[in-house]
C-alpha atoms as a PDB file:
ATOM      1  CA  UNK A   1      18.672   8.890 -25.242  1.00  0.00           C
ATOM      2  CA  UNK A   2      21.315   6.548 -24.052  1.00  0.00           C
ATOM      3  CA  UNK A   3      20.872   2.867 -25.403  1.00  0.00           C
ATOM      4  CA  UNK A   4      22.276   0.020 -22.822  1.00  0.00           C
ATOM      5  CA  UNK A   5      23.686  -3.019 -23.868  1.00  0.00           C
ATOM      6  CA  UNK A   6      24.776  -6.551 -22.837  1.00  0.00           C
ATOM      7  CA  UNK A   7      24.487  -6.433 -19.175  1.00  0.00           C
ATOM      8  CA  UNK A   8      27.237  -8.215 -18.740  1.00  0.00           C
ATOM      9  CA  UNK A   9      29.400  -5.364 -20.657  1.00  0.00           C
ATOM     10  CA  UNK A  10      31.412  -2.904 -18.999  1.00  0.00           C
ATOM     11  CA  UNK A  11      30.403   0.883 -19.676  1.00  0.00           C
ATOM     12  CA  UNK A  12      32.035   3.613 -20.131  1.00  0.00           C
ATOM     13  CA  UNK A  13      30.428   4.716 -16.718  1.00  0.00           C
ATOM     14  CA  UNK A  14      31.857   1.853 -14.514  1.00  0.00           C
ATOM     15  CA  UNK A  15      31.080  -1.887 -13.963  1.00  0.00           C
ATOM     16  CA  UNK A  16      27.440  -3.167 -14.096  1.00  0.00           C
ATOM     17  CA  UNK A  17      26.161  -3.269 -10.510  1.00  0.00           C
ATOM     18  CA  UNK A  18      22.622  -5.194  -9.556  1.00  0.00           C
ATOM     19  CA  UNK A  19      23.389  -3.298  -5.937  1.00  0.00           C
ATOM     20  CA  UNK A  20      22.390  -0.348  -8.100  1.00  0.00           C
ATOM     21  CA  UNK A  21      18.916  -0.433  -8.536  1.00  0.00           C
ATOM     22  CA  UNK A  22      16.559  -0.064  -5.658  1.00  0.00           C
ATOM     23  CA  UNK A  23      12.743  -0.788  -5.631  1.00  0.00           C
ATOM     24  CA  UNK A  24      11.646   0.202  -2.310  1.00  0.00           C
ATOM     25  CA  UNK A  25      13.423   3.592  -1.661  1.00  0.00           C
ATOM     26  CA  UNK A  26      10.812   6.803  -2.211  1.00  0.00           C
ATOM     27  CA  UNK A  27      14.186   8.889  -3.012  1.00  0.00           C
ATOM     28  CA  UNK A  28      14.591   8.222  -6.247  1.00  0.00           C
ATOM     29  CA  UNK A  29      16.988  11.339  -6.328  1.00  0.00           C
ATOM     30  CA  UNK A  30      18.832  12.665  -3.778  1.00  0.00           C
ATOM     31  CA  UNK A  31      21.531  15.345  -3.810  1.00  0.00           C
ATOM     32  CA  UNK A  32      23.649  16.732  -0.595  1.00  0.00           C
ATOM     33  CA  UNK A  33      26.234  19.689  -1.405  1.00  0.00           C
ATOM     34  CA  UNK A  34      26.419  19.399  -4.977  1.00  0.00           C
ATOM     35  CA  UNK A  35      28.953  21.868  -6.172  1.00  0.00           C
ATOM     36  CA  UNK A  36      30.493  22.517  -9.758  1.00  0.00           C
ATOM     37  CA  UNK A  37      33.459  24.625 -10.996  1.00  0.00           C
ATOM     38  CA  UNK A  38      34.706  25.394 -14.059  1.00  0.00           C
ATOM     39  CA  UNK A  39      37.591  27.464 -13.249  1.00  0.00           C
ATOM     40  CA  UNK A  40      37.346  30.275 -11.164  1.00  0.00           C
ATOM     41  CA  UNK A  41      33.283  30.275 -11.921  1.00  0.00           C
ATOM     42  CA  UNK A  42      30.827  28.443  -8.903  1.00  0.00           C
ATOM     43  CA  UNK A  43      28.066  27.260 -11.871  1.00  0.00           C
ATOM     44  CA  UNK A  44      26.409  24.933  -8.928  1.00  0.00           C
ATOM     45  CA  UNK A  45      26.783  26.235  -4.923  1.00  0.00           C
ATOM     46  CA  UNK A  46      25.811  23.569  -2.834  1.00  0.00           C
ATOM     47  CA  UNK A  47      22.515  22.038  -3.829  1.00  0.00           C
ATOM     48  CA  UNK A  48      20.769  19.824  -1.658  1.00  0.00           C
ATOM     49  CA  UNK A  49      17.401  17.872  -2.896  1.00  0.00           C
ATOM     50  CA  UNK A  50      15.395  15.131  -2.788  1.00  0.00           C
ATOM     51  CA  UNK A  51      12.631  13.568  -5.692  1.00  0.00           C
ATOM     52  CA  UNK A  52      10.457  11.033  -4.520  1.00  0.00           C
ATOM     53  CA  UNK A  53       9.131   8.383  -6.059  1.00  0.00           C
ATOM     54  CA  UNK A  54       6.210   8.673  -8.947  1.00  0.00           C
ATOM     55  CA  UNK A  55       6.802  12.615  -8.560  1.00  0.00           C
ATOM     56  CA  UNK A  56       7.063  15.346 -11.606  1.00  0.00           C
ATOM     57  CA  UNK A  57       9.967  17.597 -10.525  1.00  0.00           C
ATOM     58  CA  UNK A  58      10.719  20.990 -13.237  1.00  0.00           C
ATOM     59  CA  UNK A  59      13.178  22.530 -12.712  1.00  0.00           C
ATOM     60  CA  UNK A  60      13.330  26.088 -13.783  1.00  0.00           C
ATOM     61  CA  UNK A  61      15.576  28.680 -14.100  1.00  0.00           C
ATOM     62  CA  UNK A  62      17.266  31.860 -15.965  1.00  0.00           C
ATOM     63  CA  UNK A  63      19.640  30.566 -18.715  1.00  0.00           C
ATOM     64  CA  UNK A  64      23.830  29.981 -17.165  1.00  0.00           C
ATOM     65  CA  UNK A  65      21.963  28.901 -13.337  1.00  0.00           C
ATOM     66  CA  UNK A  66      23.613  25.599 -14.048  1.00  0.00           C
ATOM     67  CA  UNK A  67      19.925  23.612 -14.759  1.00  0.00           C
ATOM     68  CA  UNK A  68      21.772  21.857 -18.173  1.00  0.00           C
ATOM     69  CA  UNK A  69      24.998  20.747 -15.614  1.00  0.00           C
ATOM     70  CA  UNK A  70      22.880  19.591 -12.125  1.00  0.00           C
ATOM     71  CA  UNK A  71      21.029  17.084 -15.044  1.00  0.00           C
ATOM     72  CA  UNK A  72      24.042  16.079 -16.674  1.00  0.00           C
ATOM     73  CA  UNK A  73      25.134  15.173 -13.171  1.00  0.00           C
ATOM     74  CA  UNK A  74      22.245  13.675 -12.812  1.00  0.00           C
ATOM     75  CA  UNK A  75      22.500  11.433 -15.775  1.00  0.00           C
ATOM     76  CA  UNK A  76      25.731  10.722 -15.144  1.00  0.00           C
ATOM     77  CA  UNK A  77      27.213  12.601 -18.313  1.00  0.00           C
ATOM     78  CA  UNK A  78      29.324  15.017 -15.531  1.00  0.00           C
ATOM     79  CA  UNK A  79      31.281  14.413 -12.607  1.00  0.00           C
ATOM     80  CA  UNK A  80      30.656  17.256 -10.041  1.00  0.00           C
ATOM     81  CA  UNK A  81      33.484  19.098  -7.973  1.00  0.00           C
ATOM     82  CA  UNK A  82      32.217  18.117  -4.631  1.00  0.00           C
ATOM     83  CA  UNK A  83      28.947  16.437  -2.883  1.00  0.00           C
ATOM     84  CA  UNK A  84      27.066  13.461  -2.743  1.00  0.00           C
ATOM     85  CA  UNK A  85      24.302  12.926  -5.573  1.00  0.00           C
ATOM     86  CA  UNK A  86      22.250   9.226  -5.245  1.00  0.00           C
ATOM     87  CA  UNK A  87      19.976   8.159  -8.323  1.00  0.00           C
ATOM     88  CA  UNK A  88      18.035   5.063  -7.831  1.00  0.00           C
ATOM     89  CA  UNK A  89      20.395   4.358  -5.069  1.00  0.00           C
ATOM     90  CA  UNK A  90      23.646   4.378  -6.976  1.00  0.00           C
ATOM     91  CA  UNK A  91      25.897   7.476  -8.058  1.00  0.00           C
ATOM     92  CA  UNK A  92      25.800   7.849 -11.692  1.00  0.00           C
ATOM     93  CA  UNK A  93      29.422   9.109 -12.308  1.00  0.00           C
ATOM     94  CA  UNK A  94      30.093   4.973 -11.155  1.00  0.00           C
ATOM     95  CA  UNK A  95      26.650   3.045 -12.141  1.00  0.00           C
ATOM     96  CA  UNK A  96      26.495   0.375 -14.770  1.00  0.00           C
ATOM     97  CA  UNK A  97      24.337  -0.384 -17.904  1.00  0.00           C
ATOM     98  CA  UNK A  98      21.486  -2.093 -15.247  1.00  0.00           C
ATOM     99  CA  UNK A  99      21.206   1.102 -13.407  1.00  0.00           C
ATOM    100  CA  UNK A 100      21.326   3.024 -16.969  1.00  0.00           C
ATOM    101  CA  UNK A 101      18.732   0.752 -18.252  1.00  0.00           C
ATOM    102  CA  UNK A 102      16.055   2.304 -15.581  1.00  0.00           C
ATOM    103  CA  UNK A 103      16.636   6.099 -17.224  1.00  0.00           C
ATOM    104  CA  UNK A 104      14.980   7.404 -19.836  1.00  0.00           C
ATOM    105  CA  UNK A 105      16.326  10.543 -21.445  1.00  0.00           C
ATOM    106  CA  UNK A 106      14.189  13.266 -24.036  1.00  0.00           C
ATOM    107  CA  UNK A 107      16.475  15.721 -25.098  1.00  0.00           C
ATOM    108  CA  UNK A 108      16.065  19.109 -26.524  1.00  0.00           C
ATOM    109  CA  UNK A 109      16.649  17.442 -30.180  1.00  0.00           C
ATOM    110  CA  UNK A 110      17.987  14.219 -31.921  1.00  0.00           C
ATOM    111  CA  UNK A 111      18.823  14.009 -35.588  1.00  0.00           C
ATOM    112  CA  UNK A 112      19.700  10.268 -36.223  1.00  0.00           C
ATOM    113  CA  UNK A 113      18.595   7.427 -37.925  1.00  0.00           C
ATOM    114  CA  UNK A 114      16.729   9.686 -40.838  1.00  0.00           C
ATOM    115  CA  UNK A 115      16.569   6.562 -43.314  1.00  0.00           C
ATOM    116  CA  UNK A 116      14.724   4.395 -40.681  1.00  0.00           C
ATOM    117  CA  UNK A 117      11.502   3.910 -40.125  1.00  0.00           C
ATOM    118  CA  UNK A 118       9.808   4.957 -36.933  1.00  0.00           C
ATOM    119  CA  UNK A 119       8.991   1.629 -35.921  1.00  0.00           C
ATOM    120  CA  UNK A 120      12.372   0.050 -36.625  1.00  0.00           C
ATOM    121  CA  UNK A 121      13.880   2.942 -34.926  1.00  0.00           C
ATOM    122  CA  UNK A 122      11.727   1.659 -31.372  1.00  0.00           C
ATOM    123  CA  UNK A 123      12.286  -1.663 -32.115  1.00  0.00           C
ATOM    124  CA  UNK A 124      16.069  -1.251 -32.755  1.00  0.00           C
ATOM    125  CA  UNK A 125      16.401   0.378 -29.654  1.00  0.00           C
ATOM    126  CA  UNK A 126      13.996  -1.292 -27.418  1.00  0.00           C
ATOM    127  CA  UNK A 127      15.375  -4.872 -27.659  1.00  0.00           C
ATOM    128  CA  UNK A 128      18.500  -3.166 -25.752  1.00  0.00           C
ATOM    129  CA  UNK A 129      16.481  -3.812 -22.775  1.00  0.00           C
ATOM    130  CA  UNK A 130      15.018  -7.121 -23.346  1.00  0.00           C
ATOM    131  CA  UNK A 131      17.507  -7.880 -20.969  1.00  0.00           C
ATOM    132  CA  UNK A 132      16.211  -6.044 -18.730  1.00  0.00           C
ATOM    133  CA  UNK A 133      12.870  -7.372 -17.888  1.00  0.00           C
ATOM    134  CA  UNK A 134      11.659  -9.084 -14.961  1.00  0.00           C
ATOM    135  CA  UNK A 135       8.328 -10.367 -13.902  1.00  0.00           C
ATOM    136  CA  UNK A 136       5.487  -8.123 -13.717  1.00  0.00           C
ATOM    137  CA  UNK A 137       7.768  -5.369 -15.597  1.00  0.00           C
ATOM    138  CA  UNK A 138       7.911  -6.254 -19.108  1.00  0.00           C
ATOM    139  CA  UNK A 139      10.220  -4.531 -21.133  1.00  0.00           C
ATOM    140  CA  UNK A 140      10.343  -2.799 -23.704  1.00  0.00           C
ATOM    141  CA  UNK A 141       7.258  -1.480 -24.175  1.00  0.00           C
ATOM    142  CA  UNK A 142       4.864  -3.332 -26.611  1.00  0.00           C
ATOM    143  CA  UNK A 143       5.575  -1.283 -30.005  1.00  0.00           C
ATOM    144  CA  UNK A 144       1.826  -1.012 -30.783  1.00  0.00           C
ATOM    145  CA  UNK A 145       0.905   0.265 -27.347  1.00  0.00           C
ATOM    146  CA  UNK A 146       3.686   2.811 -27.410  1.00  0.00           C
ATOM    147  CA  UNK A 147       3.215   4.176 -31.021  1.00  0.00           C
ATOM    148  CA  UNK A 148      -0.749   4.707 -30.018  1.00  0.00           C
ATOM    149  CA  UNK A 149       0.339   6.592 -26.640  1.00  0.00           C
ATOM    150  CA  UNK A 150       2.593   8.835 -28.520  1.00  0.00           C
ATOM    151  CA  UNK A 151       0.099   9.106 -31.299  1.00  0.00           C
ATOM    152  CA  UNK A 152       2.379   7.613 -34.157  1.00  0.00           C
ATOM    153  CA  UNK A 153       0.400   4.947 -35.453  1.00  0.00           C
ATOM    154  CA  UNK A 154      -0.152   6.077 -38.233  1.00  0.00           C
ATOM    155  CA  UNK A 155       3.267   6.868 -38.713  1.00  0.00           C
ATOM    156  CA  UNK A 156       4.660   3.598 -37.946  1.00  0.00           C
ATOM    157  CA  UNK A 157       5.782   2.860 -41.223  1.00  0.00           C
ATOM    158  CA  UNK A 158       7.334   6.200 -42.216  1.00  0.00           C
ATOM    159  CA  UNK A 159      10.517   6.871 -42.856  1.00  0.00           C
ATOM    160  CA  UNK A 160      12.153   9.345 -39.735  1.00  0.00           C
ATOM    161  CA  UNK A 161      13.319  12.133 -41.791  1.00  0.00           C
ATOM    162  CA  UNK A 162       9.888  12.882 -43.593  1.00  0.00           C
ATOM    163  CA  UNK A 163       8.117  13.269 -40.236  1.00  0.00           C
ATOM    164  CA  UNK A 164       7.002  16.892 -39.414  1.00  0.00           C
ATOM    165  CA  UNK A 165       8.944  18.869 -36.549  1.00  0.00           C
ATOM    166  CA  UNK A 166       5.853  17.936 -34.101  1.00  0.00           C
ATOM    167  CA  UNK A 167       5.747  13.848 -35.209  1.00  0.00           C
ATOM    168  CA  UNK A 168       9.790  14.186 -34.776  1.00  0.00           C
ATOM    169  CA  UNK A 169       9.563  15.609 -31.143  1.00  0.00           C
ATOM    170  CA  UNK A 170       6.938  12.433 -30.047  1.00  0.00           C
ATOM    171  CA  UNK A 171       9.656  10.412 -31.987  1.00  0.00           C
ATOM    172  CA  UNK A 172      11.900  11.602 -29.142  1.00  0.00           C
ATOM    173  CA  UNK A 173       9.620  11.493 -26.307  1.00  0.00           C
ATOM    174  CA  UNK A 174       9.131   7.841 -27.393  1.00  0.00           C
ATOM    175  CA  UNK A 175      12.710   6.217 -27.757  1.00  0.00           C
ATOM    176  CA  UNK A 176      12.750   7.823 -24.533  1.00  0.00           C
ATOM    177  CA  UNK A 177      10.224   5.577 -22.957  1.00  0.00           C
ATOM    178  CA  UNK A 178      10.964   2.603 -24.560  1.00  0.00           C
ATOM    179  CA  UNK A 179      12.469   0.858 -21.619  1.00  0.00           C
ATOM    180  CA  UNK A 180       9.737   1.596 -19.736  1.00  0.00           C
ATOM    181  CA  UNK A 181      11.916   3.964 -17.571  1.00  0.00           C
ATOM    182  CA  UNK A 182      11.738   4.349 -13.500  1.00  0.00           C
ATOM    183  CA  UNK A 183      12.862   7.757 -13.956  1.00  0.00           C
ATOM    184  CA  UNK A 184      12.821  10.168 -17.103  1.00  0.00           C
ATOM    185  CA  UNK A 185      14.465  12.928 -18.147  1.00  0.00           C
ATOM    186  CA  UNK A 186      12.470  15.534 -20.056  1.00  0.00           C
ATOM    187  CA  UNK A 187      14.646  18.509 -21.395  1.00  0.00           C
ATOM    188  CA  UNK A 188      12.145  20.582 -23.206  1.00  0.00           C
ATOM    189  CA  UNK A 189      10.063  18.275 -24.210  1.00  0.00           C
ATOM    190  CA  UNK A 190       7.199  20.088 -26.075  1.00  0.00           C
ATOM    191  CA  UNK A 191       9.214  22.463 -28.414  1.00  0.00           C
ATOM    192  CA  UNK A 192       7.762  22.377 -31.214  1.00  0.00           C
ATOM    193  CA  UNK A 193       4.452  21.285 -30.717  1.00  0.00           C
ATOM    194  CA  UNK A 194       1.577  22.878 -31.566  1.00  0.00           C
ATOM    195  CA  UNK A 195      -1.209  23.209 -28.973  1.00  0.00           C
ATOM    196  CA  UNK A 196      -3.066  19.477 -29.735  1.00  0.00           C
ATOM    197  CA  UNK A 197      -0.198  17.887 -29.264  1.00  0.00           C
ATOM    198  CA  UNK A 198       1.376  19.527 -26.658  1.00  0.00           C
ATOM    199  CA  UNK A 199      -1.999  18.762 -24.549  1.00  0.00           C
ATOM    200  CA  UNK A 200      -1.702  14.921 -25.529  1.00  0.00           C
ATOM    201  CA  UNK A 201       2.049  15.609 -24.593  1.00  0.00           C
ATOM    202  CA  UNK A 202       0.666  16.781 -20.988  1.00  0.00           C
ATOM    203  CA  UNK A 203      -1.913  13.678 -20.581  1.00  0.00           C
ATOM    204  CA  UNK A 204       1.166  11.448 -21.605  1.00  0.00           C
ATOM    205  CA  UNK A 205       3.260  12.924 -18.542  1.00  0.00           C
ATOM    206  CA  UNK A 206       0.303  12.725 -16.393  1.00  0.00           C
ATOM    207  CA  UNK A 207      -0.283   9.066 -17.598  1.00  0.00           C
ATOM    208  CA  UNK A 208       3.264   7.759 -16.947  1.00  0.00           C
ATOM    209  CA  UNK A 209       3.730   9.563 -13.209  1.00  0.00           C
ATOM    210  CA  UNK A 210      -0.086   8.302 -12.468  1.00  0.00           C
ATOM    211  CA  UNK A 211      -0.207   5.044 -13.708  1.00  0.00           C
ATOM    212  CA  UNK A 212       3.103   3.688 -14.038  1.00  0.00           C
ATOM    213  CA  UNK A 213       4.261   5.134 -11.492  1.00  0.00           C
ATOM    214  CA  UNK A 214       7.296   6.743 -13.389  1.00  0.00           C
ATOM    215  CA  UNK A 215       9.527   9.845 -12.123  1.00  0.00           C
ATOM    216  CA  UNK A 216       9.907  12.667 -13.527  1.00  0.00           C
ATOM    217  CA  UNK A 217      12.790  15.055 -13.777  1.00  0.00           C
ATOM    218  CA  UNK A 218      11.436  18.303 -16.244  1.00  0.00           C
ATOM    219  CA  UNK A 219      13.371  20.750 -17.666  1.00  0.00           C
ATOM    220  CA  UNK A 220      11.303  23.845 -19.365  1.00  0.00           C
ATOM    221  CA  UNK A 221      11.220  27.814 -20.232  1.00  0.00           C
ATOM    222  CA  UNK A 222       7.152  27.341 -20.697  1.00  0.00           C
ATOM    223  CA  UNK A 223       6.014  28.035 -17.075  1.00  0.00           C
ATOM    224  CA  UNK A 224       2.788  27.760 -17.294  1.00  0.00           C
ATOM    225  CA  UNK A 225       3.632  23.629 -18.864  1.00  0.00           C
ATOM    226  CA  UNK A 226       5.173  23.510 -15.485  1.00  0.00           C
ATOM    227  CA  UNK A 227       2.224  24.649 -13.572  1.00  0.00           C
ATOM    228  CA  UNK A 228       0.377  22.510 -15.011  1.00  0.00           C
ATOM    229  CA  UNK A 229       2.236  19.411 -15.145  1.00  0.00           C
ATOM    230  CA  UNK A 230       4.488  19.077 -12.128  1.00  0.00           C
ATOM    231  CA  UNK A 231       4.009  18.249  -8.380  1.00  0.00           C
ATOM    232  CA  UNK A 232       6.748  20.220  -7.327  1.00  0.00           C
ATOM    233  CA  UNK A 233       9.025  23.527  -8.595  1.00  0.00           C
ATOM    234  CA  UNK A 234      12.747  23.687  -8.101  1.00  0.00           C
ATOM    235  CA  UNK A 235      14.075  27.477  -8.960  1.00  0.00           C
ATOM    236  CA  UNK A 236      17.783  27.396  -9.737  1.00  0.00           C
ATOM    237  CA  UNK A 237      19.414  30.970  -9.764  1.00  0.00           C
ATOM    238  CA  UNK A 238      23.160  31.984  -9.361  1.00  0.00           C
ATOM    239  CA  UNK A 239      23.880  27.982  -8.879  1.00  0.00           C
ATOM    240  CA  UNK A 240      22.091  27.790  -5.757  1.00  0.00           C
ATOM    241  CA  UNK A 241      18.121  26.819  -4.743  1.00  0.00           C
ATOM    242  CA  UNK A 242      16.450  29.944  -4.205  1.00  0.00           C
ATOM    243  CA  UNK A 243      12.839  28.178  -4.001  1.00  0.00           C
ATOM    244  CA  UNK A 244      11.455  24.786  -3.706  1.00  0.00           C
ATOM    245  CA  UNK A 245       7.908  23.596  -3.793  1.00  0.00           C
ATOM    246  CA  UNK A 246       4.289  23.043  -5.162  1.00  0.00           C
ATOM    247  CA  UNK A 247       3.365  26.197  -7.482  1.00  0.00           C
ATOM    248  CA  UNK A 248       0.621  27.242  -4.842  1.00  0.00           C
ATOM    249  CA  UNK A 249       2.786  26.661  -2.074  1.00  0.00           C
ATOM    250  CA  UNK A 250       5.617  29.427  -3.734  1.00  0.00           C
ATOM    251  CA  UNK A 251       2.835  31.800  -4.852  1.00  0.00           C
ATOM    252  CA  UNK A 252       1.253  32.102  -1.504  1.00  0.00           C
ATOM    253  CA  UNK A 253       5.139  32.744  -0.068  1.00  0.00           C
ATOM    254  CA  UNK A 254       5.894  35.038  -2.444  1.00  0.00           C
ATOM    255  CA  UNK A 255       2.829  37.012  -3.759  1.00  0.00           C
ATOM    256  CA  UNK A 256       0.921  36.609  -0.661  1.00  0.00           C
ATOM    257  CA  UNK A 257      -2.254  38.363  -1.275  1.00  0.00           C
ATOM    258  CA  UNK A 258      -5.006  37.140  -3.591  1.00  0.00           C
ATOM    259  CA  UNK A 259      -6.475  40.120  -6.053  1.00  0.00           C
ATOM    260  CA  UNK A 260     -10.213  40.076  -6.459  1.00  0.00           C
ATOM    261  CA  UNK A 261     -11.538  42.539  -9.370  1.00  0.00           C
ATOM    262  CA  UNK A 262     -15.452  43.207  -9.814  1.00  0.00           C
ATOM    263  CA  UNK A 263     -17.363  46.185 -11.217  1.00  0.00           C
ATOM    264  CA  UNK A 264     -20.737  47.491  -9.394  1.00  0.00           C
ATOM    265  CA  UNK A 265     -23.119  50.434 -10.407  1.00  0.00           C
ATOM    266  CA  UNK A 266     -20.394  51.004 -13.740  1.00  0.00           C
ATOM    267  CA  UNK A 267     -17.283  51.128 -11.261  1.00  0.00           C
ATOM    268  CA  UNK A 268     -14.481  48.725 -11.366  1.00  0.00           C
ATOM    269  CA  UNK A 269     -12.829  47.865  -8.357  1.00  0.00           C
ATOM    270  CA  UNK A 270      -9.606  45.884  -7.179  1.00  0.00           C
ATOM    271  CA  UNK A 271      -8.889  44.537  -3.611  1.00  0.00           C
ATOM    272  CA  UNK A 272      -5.751  42.631  -2.785  1.00  0.00           C
ATOM    273  CA  UNK A 273      -6.473  40.548   0.582  1.00  0.00           C
ATOM    274  CA  UNK A 274      -4.838  37.371   2.313  1.00  0.00           C
ATOM    275  CA  UNK A 275      -8.697  35.546   2.203  1.00  0.00           C
ATOM    276  CA  UNK A 276     -10.075  35.969  -1.268  1.00  0.00           C
ATOM    277  CA  UNK A 277     -13.377  33.307  -0.279  1.00  0.00           C
ATOM    278  CA  UNK A 278     -14.263  35.514   2.905  1.00  0.00           C
ATOM    279  CA  UNK A 279     -13.319  38.679   0.796  1.00  0.00           C
ATOM    280  CA  UNK A 280     -15.839  37.520  -2.093  1.00  0.00           C
ATOM    281  CA  UNK A 281     -18.323  35.863   0.328  1.00  0.00           C
ATOM    282  CA  UNK A 282     -18.997  39.503   2.160  1.00  0.00           C
ATOM    283  CA  UNK A 283     -18.825  41.200  -1.203  1.00  0.00           C
ATOM    284  CA  UNK A 284     -22.056  39.492  -2.426  1.00  0.00           C
ATOM    285  CA  UNK A 285     -23.765  39.561   0.668  1.00  0.00           C
ATOM    286  CA  UNK A 286     -23.403  43.255   0.724  1.00  0.00           C
ATOM    287  CA  UNK A 287     -26.776  45.699   0.219  1.00  0.00           C
ATOM    288  CA  UNK A 288     -26.836  47.664  -3.120  1.00  0.00           C
ATOM    289  CA  UNK A 289     -26.121  47.238  -6.593  1.00  0.00           C
ATOM    290  CA  UNK A 290     -25.212  43.878  -8.131  1.00  0.00           C
ATOM    291  CA  UNK A 291     -21.874  42.803  -8.521  1.00  0.00           C
ATOM    292  CA  UNK A 292     -20.314  42.258 -11.903  1.00  0.00           C
ATOM    293  CA  UNK A 293     -17.462  40.792 -13.764  1.00  0.00           C
ATOM    294  CA  UNK A 294     -15.588  38.874 -10.571  1.00  0.00           C
ATOM    295  CA  UNK A 295     -12.484  37.637 -11.464  1.00  0.00           C
ATOM    296  CA  UNK A 296     -10.431  36.353  -8.184  1.00  0.00           C
ATOM    297  CA  UNK A 297      -6.653  36.138  -9.466  1.00  0.00           C
ATOM    298  CA  UNK A 298      -4.271  34.496  -7.857  1.00  0.00           C
ATOM    299  CA  UNK A 299      -0.260  34.707  -8.496  1.00  0.00           C
ATOM    300  CA  UNK A 300       0.297  32.256 -11.540  1.00  0.00           C
ATOM    301  CA  UNK A 301       3.864  30.674 -11.263  1.00  0.00           C
ATOM    302  CA  UNK A 302       5.384  32.930 -13.894  1.00  0.00           C
ATOM    303  CA  UNK A 303       4.047  36.349 -11.258  1.00  0.00           C
ATOM    304  CA  UNK A 304       5.992  34.337  -8.869  1.00  0.00           C
ATOM    305  CA  UNK A 305       9.051  32.599 -10.811  1.00  0.00           C
ATOM    306  CA  UNK A 306       9.785  36.385 -11.974  1.00  0.00           C
ATOM    307  CA  UNK A 307       9.428  38.202  -8.638  1.00  0.00           C
ATOM    308  CA  UNK A 308      12.067  35.225  -7.167  1.00  0.00           C
ATOM    309  CA  UNK A 309      14.538  35.767 -10.017  1.00  0.00           C
ATOM    310  CA  UNK A 310      14.284  39.576  -9.278  1.00  0.00           C
ATOM    311  CA  UNK A 311      14.924  39.243  -5.595  1.00  0.00           C
ATOM    312  CA  UNK A 312      17.758  36.944  -6.274  1.00  0.00           C
ATOM    313  CA  UNK A 313      19.104  39.102  -8.787  1.00  0.00           C
ATOM    314  CA  UNK A 314      18.879  42.356  -6.867  1.00  0.00           C
ATOM    315  CA  UNK A 315      21.111  40.232  -3.483  1.00  0.00           C
ATOM    316  CA  UNK A 316      23.709  38.834  -5.979  1.00  0.00           C
ATOM    317  CA  UNK A 317      24.224  42.830  -6.950  1.00  0.00           C
ATOM    318  CA  UNK A 318      23.919  44.177  -3.312  1.00  0.00           C
ATOM    319  CA  UNK A 319      26.470  41.431  -2.148  1.00  0.00           C
ATOM    320  CA  UNK A 320      29.156  42.073  -4.991  1.00  0.00           C
ATOM    321  CA  UNK A 321      28.829  46.087  -4.554  1.00  0.00           C
ATOM    322  CA  UNK A 322      29.348  45.112  -0.291  1.00  0.00           C
ATOM    323  CA  UNK A 323      32.071  42.701  -1.639  1.00  0.00           C
ATOM    324  CA  UNK A 324      33.971  45.844  -3.589  1.00  0.00           C
END
């Protein structure tokens, strides 16, 4: 979490700019031709994408694909080698404190303020957002409401250093949203969560997007989580966007066919079809013994992701061999 301070103070990222904040444009993030080079290596090779207001976008990809670099550029912590990046109507590299007050960040780990009590930490970070409140949008979050929202109301007076791993992670999330951000970056947000805490967090993400209209960019290695949370999936591989769409759309595009499994007369059957509904309807009306153990299995996001990455790796290997 990057705290914000005096609205008149010049930040390390540039002077304050009230014009940086836009509320009518649906494109919260707009990226064109984004490139990043470290020495001779091109980490990002011309990314083009947008994120709309209230959208939950999952950024996926294998290690080294460029996810972290992309996020750091969008957050204003790294300068790109080339390209145009607009986040909430401003270039993150030069936007000021008022712009930064609209951004929430939940990092993979954060281990500061161990001797502070939970409520004190949230009150401290929340105080930075007071100058940016406006009619109809009080800031920061009411602390009692926020503590209840992240299920930490029972630990409000507890020292941060004594929290369990899951409770500490919930505090990370609370710090990221205490200022009611327009745009929230979540980096592996449920690492260390038990199944119940993960489910509660998923409900929180849906509430932030659907009720508060928060735009969320999520990175995770938990593909089932991405499938549950994201309106849209962006897959990076080799520094390029190799897939962009909903989990369902990507599955149709990559896997195409749906697998239908059933049993009849003691035998097991499997059939791949483009029209699962029509096939099942015909199957159930056929004369003969009753159909049992019927299962319709569409490709999961994990199936789709593995296939897309596999194709990309083959294409890269082929290109490298042809270049020799």
